[in-house]
Amino acid sequence: MIELKYKNLDVWKKSMEIVSEFYRPTTLFPKEEQFGPTSQIGRFTISIPSNIREGLAISSNLQIIRFLYIARPSLPELDTQIQIASDLSYLNNSNIVSLTKIVNQTFTMLSKLIQKNKNDEKRK
């Protein structure tokens, strides 16, 4: 794998953690949900680190901000998927608590990175 600076960022690492944390419990979902919540969750989780990476591979603060803004809405979408999976009894309480926590942490980290880049852009 290529060694790039985005891999050292805590927010990217946390977003990669989201992928594995969400994929594990979806393997226990009923097989008929493969194209429902399981598929949705997979797309949302993968899009977060992918968009962070894409944005941080660009040198323009405005483009970085744009991709971070693309990544961030996937987190509330994941929160909704947690609620749906909970309502359908696909997740236990422990999963719900840990998944909600990681979504909230990542949302906060991403928001701070967006703000930092906005402030850097204003200083130019």
C-alpha atoms as a PDB file:
ATOM      1  CA  MET A   1       0.000   0.000   0.000  1.00  0.00           C
ATOM      2  CA  ILE A   2       1.054   3.592  -0.604  1.00  0.00           C
ATOM      3  CA  GLU A   3       2.141   5.623   2.426  1.00  0.00           C
ATOM      4  CA  LEU A   4       0.192   8.872   2.243  1.00  0.00           C
ATOM      5  CA  LYS A   5      -0.296  11.540   4.904  1.00  0.00           C
ATOM      6  CA  TYR A   6      -4.076  11.072   5.238  1.00  0.00           C
ATOM      7  CA  LYS A   7      -3.408   7.626   6.753  1.00  0.00           C
ATOM      8  CA  ASN A   8      -1.897   9.360   9.786  1.00  0.00           C
ATOM      9  CA  LEU A   9      -5.003  11.426  10.480  1.00  0.00           C
ATOM     10  CA  ASP A  10      -7.108  10.322  13.422  1.00  0.00           C
ATOM     11  CA  VAL A  11     -10.351  11.069  11.592  1.00  0.00           C
ATOM     12  CA  TRP A  12      -9.389   8.798   8.695  1.00  0.00           C
ATOM     13  CA  LYS A  13      -8.343   6.036  11.122  1.00  0.00           C
ATOM     14  CA  LYS A  14     -11.635   6.431  12.994  1.00  0.00           C
ATOM     15  CA  SER A  15     -13.590   6.272   9.733  1.00  0.00           C
ATOM     16  CA  MET A  16     -11.778   3.046   8.834  1.00  0.00           C
ATOM     17  CA  GLU A  17     -12.746   1.715  12.255  1.00  0.00           C
ATOM     18  CA  ILE A  18     -16.375   2.456  11.373  1.00  0.00           C
ATOM     19  CA  VAL A  19     -16.141   0.120   8.385  1.00  0.00           C
ATOM     20  CA  SER A  20     -15.072  -2.875  10.467  1.00  0.00           C
ATOM     21  CA  GLU A  21     -17.315  -2.022  13.427  1.00  0.00           C
ATOM     22  CA  PHE A  22     -20.391  -1.881  11.180  1.00  0.00           C
ATOM     23  CA  TYR A  23     -19.524  -4.837   8.974  1.00  0.00           C
ATOM     24  CA  ARG A  24     -19.198  -7.286  11.875  1.00  0.00           C
ATOM     25  CA  PRO A  25     -22.799  -7.068  13.119  1.00  0.00           C
ATOM     26  CA  THR A  26     -24.256  -6.980   9.588  1.00  0.00           C
ATOM     27  CA  THR A  27     -22.936 -10.513   9.033  1.00  0.00           C
ATOM     28  CA  LEU A  28     -25.559 -11.571  11.600  1.00  0.00           C
ATOM     29  CA  PHE A  29     -28.448  -9.855   9.791  1.00  0.00           C
ATOM     30  CA  PRO A  30     -30.925 -12.181   8.059  1.00  0.00           C
ATOM     31  CA  LYS A  31     -29.802 -13.229   4.566  1.00  0.00           C
ATOM     32  CA  GLU A  32     -32.887 -11.568   3.044  1.00  0.00           C
ATOM     33  CA  GLU A  33     -31.517  -8.218   4.241  1.00  0.00           C
ATOM     34  CA  GLN A  34     -28.419  -8.534   2.061  1.00  0.00           C
ATOM     35  CA  PHE A  35     -29.808  -5.949  -0.374  1.00  0.00           C
ATOM     36  CA  GLY A  36     -31.541  -3.827   2.288  1.00  0.00           C
ATOM     37  CA  PRO A  37     -29.884  -2.496   5.449  1.00  0.00           C
ATOM     38  CA  THR A  38     -26.720  -4.574   4.963  1.00  0.00           C
ATOM     39  CA  SER A  39     -26.088  -3.076   1.536  1.00  0.00           C
ATOM     40  CA  GLN A  40     -26.932   0.456   2.686  1.00  0.00           C
ATOM     41  CA  ILE A  41     -24.628   0.216   5.679  1.00  0.00           C
ATOM     42  CA  GLY A  42     -21.806  -1.082   3.485  1.00  0.00           C
ATOM     43  CA  ARG A  43     -22.104   1.820   1.061  1.00  0.00           C
ATOM     44  CA  PHE A  44     -22.291   4.459   3.802  1.00  0.00           C
ATOM     45  CA  THR A  45     -19.345   3.088   5.762  1.00  0.00           C
ATOM     46  CA  ILE A  46     -17.058   2.766   2.758  1.00  0.00           C
ATOM     47  CA  SER A  47     -17.907   6.243   1.452  1.00  0.00           C
ATOM     48  CA  ILE A  48     -16.679   7.989   4.613  1.00  0.00           C
ATOM     49  CA  PRO A  49     -12.956   7.078   4.547  1.00  0.00           C
ATOM     50  CA  SER A  50     -13.001   7.108   0.736  1.00  0.00           C
ATOM     51  CA  ASN A  51     -14.216  10.713   0.575  1.00  0.00           C
ATOM     52  CA  ILE A  52     -11.861  11.805   3.355  1.00  0.00           C
ATOM     53  CA  ARG A  53      -8.982  10.250   1.432  1.00  0.00           C
ATOM     54  CA  GLU A  54     -10.040  11.795  -1.831  1.00  0.00           C
ATOM     55  CA  GLY A  55     -10.331  15.242  -0.293  1.00  0.00           C
ATOM     56  CA  LEU A  56      -7.021  15.068   1.514  1.00  0.00           C
ATOM     57  CA  ALA A  57      -5.228  13.924  -1.633  1.00  0.00           C
ATOM     58  CA  ILE A  58      -6.016  17.345  -3.119  1.00  0.00           C
ATOM     59  CA  SER A  59      -3.945  20.395  -2.259  1.00  0.00           C
ATOM     60  CA  SER A  60      -6.749  22.978  -2.389  1.00  0.00           C
ATOM     61  CA  ASN A  61      -8.454  23.711   0.947  1.00  0.00           C
ATOM     62  CA  LEU A  62     -11.727  24.373  -0.858  1.00  0.00           C
ATOM     63  CA  GLN A  63     -11.623  20.933  -2.496  1.00  0.00           C
ATOM     64  CA  ILE A  64     -10.642  19.298   0.791  1.00  0.00           C
ATOM     65  CA  ILE A  65     -13.620  20.970   2.475  1.00  0.00           C
ATOM     66  CA  ARG A  66     -15.904  19.867  -0.363  1.00  0.00           C
ATOM     67  CA  PHE A  67     -14.995  16.179   0.042  1.00  0.00           C
ATOM     68  CA  LEU A  68     -15.209  16.360   3.829  1.00  0.00           C
ATOM     69  CA  TYR A  69     -18.708  17.788   3.409  1.00  0.00           C
ATOM     70  CA  ILE A  70     -19.508  14.842   1.130  1.00  0.00           C
ATOM     71  CA  ALA A  71     -18.257  12.362   3.758  1.00  0.00           C
ATOM     72  CA  ARG A  72     -20.055  13.866   6.751  1.00  0.00           C
ATOM     73  CA  PRO A  73     -23.729  13.196   5.768  1.00  0.00           C
ATOM     74  CA  SER A  74     -23.025   9.463   5.683  1.00  0.00           C
ATOM     75  CA  LEU A  75     -22.679   9.540   9.468  1.00  0.00           C
ATOM     76  CA  PRO A  76     -26.287  10.612  10.218  1.00  0.00           C
ATOM     77  CA  GLU A  77     -27.367   8.089   7.569  1.00  0.00           C
ATOM     78  CA  LEU A  78     -25.511   5.401   9.527  1.00  0.00           C
ATOM     79  CA  ASP A  79     -27.201   6.597  12.692  1.00  0.00           C
ATOM     80  CA  THR A  80     -30.547   6.042  10.956  1.00  0.00           C
ATOM     81  CA  GLN A  81     -29.449   2.559   9.903  1.00  0.00           C
ATOM     82  CA  ILE A  82     -28.556   1.813  13.535  1.00  0.00           C
ATOM     83  CA  GLN A  83     -32.083   2.825  14.530  1.00  0.00           C
ATOM     84  CA  ILE A  84     -33.656   0.712  11.788  1.00  0.00           C
ATOM     85  CA  ALA A  85     -31.532  -2.329  12.664  1.00  0.00           C
ATOM     86  CA  SER A  86     -32.369  -1.805  16.330  1.00  0.00           C
ATOM     87  CA  ASP A  87     -36.101  -1.556  15.612  1.00  0.00           C
ATOM     88  CA  LEU A  88     -35.881  -4.797  13.606  1.00  0.00           C
ATOM     89  CA  SER A  89     -33.951  -6.443  16.490  1.00  0.00           C
ATOM     90  CA  TYR A  90     -30.902  -7.045  14.285  1.00  0.00           C
ATOM     91  CA  LEU A  91     -28.573  -5.353  16.801  1.00  0.00           C
ATOM     92  CA  ASN A  92     -28.162  -5.906  20.503  1.00  0.00           C
ATOM     93  CA  ASN A  93     -27.832  -3.070  23.013  1.00  0.00           C
ATOM     94  CA  SER A  94     -24.042  -3.365  23.161  1.00  0.00           C
ATOM     95  CA  ASN A  95     -23.786  -2.978  19.364  1.00  0.00           C
ATOM     96  CA  ILE A  96     -26.125  -0.005  19.390  1.00  0.00           C
ATOM     97  CA  VAL A  97     -24.116   1.801  22.076  1.00  0.00           C
ATOM     98  CA  SER A  98     -20.709   1.164  20.483  1.00  0.00           C
ATOM     99  CA  LEU A  99     -21.849   1.995  16.942  1.00  0.00           C
ATOM    100  CA  THR A 100     -23.590   5.177  18.045  1.00  0.00           C
ATOM    101  CA  LYS A 101     -20.488   6.223  19.961  1.00  0.00           C
ATOM    102  CA  ILE A 102     -18.143   5.756  16.993  1.00  0.00           C
ATOM    103  CA  VAL A 103     -20.548   7.598  14.651  1.00  0.00           C
ATOM    104  CA  ASN A 104     -20.736  10.553  17.051  1.00  0.00           C
ATOM    105  CA  GLN A 105     -16.958  10.631  17.576  1.00  0.00           C
ATOM    106  CA  THR A 106     -16.285  10.570  13.851  1.00  0.00           C
ATOM    107  CA  PHE A 107     -18.892  13.251  13.156  1.00  0.00           C
ATOM    108  CA  THR A 108     -17.233  15.519  15.737  1.00  0.00           C
ATOM    109  CA  MET A 109     -13.745  14.863  14.372  1.00  0.00           C
ATOM    110  CA  LEU A 110     -14.853  15.473  10.803  1.00  0.00           C
ATOM    111  CA  SER A 111     -16.631  18.695  11.771  1.00  0.00           C
ATOM    112  CA  LYS A 112     -13.464  19.938  13.478  1.00  0.00           C
ATOM    113  CA  LEU A 113     -11.364  19.105  10.418  1.00  0.00           C
ATOM    114  CA  ILE A 114     -13.829  20.966   8.182  1.00  0.00           C
ATOM    115  CA  GLN A 115     -13.655  23.991  10.477  1.00  0.00           C
ATOM    116  CA  LYS A 116      -9.852  23.871  10.558  1.00  0.00           C
ATOM    117  CA  ASN A 117      -9.691  23.842   6.766  1.00  0.00           C
ATOM    118  CA  LYS A 118     -12.220  26.671   6.542  1.00  0.00           C
ATOM    119  CA  ASN A 119     -10.102  28.727   8.953  1.00  0.00           C
ATOM    120  CA  ASP A 120      -6.947  27.919   6.957  1.00  0.00           C
ATOM    121  CA  GLU A 121      -8.718  29.023   3.782  1.00  0.00           C
ATOM    122  CA  LYS A 122      -9.771  32.333   5.373  1.00  0.00           C
ATOM    123  CA  ARG A 123      -6.161  33.071   6.323  1.00  0.00           C
ATOM    124  CA  LYS A 124      -5.004  32.849   2.726  1.00  0.00           C
END
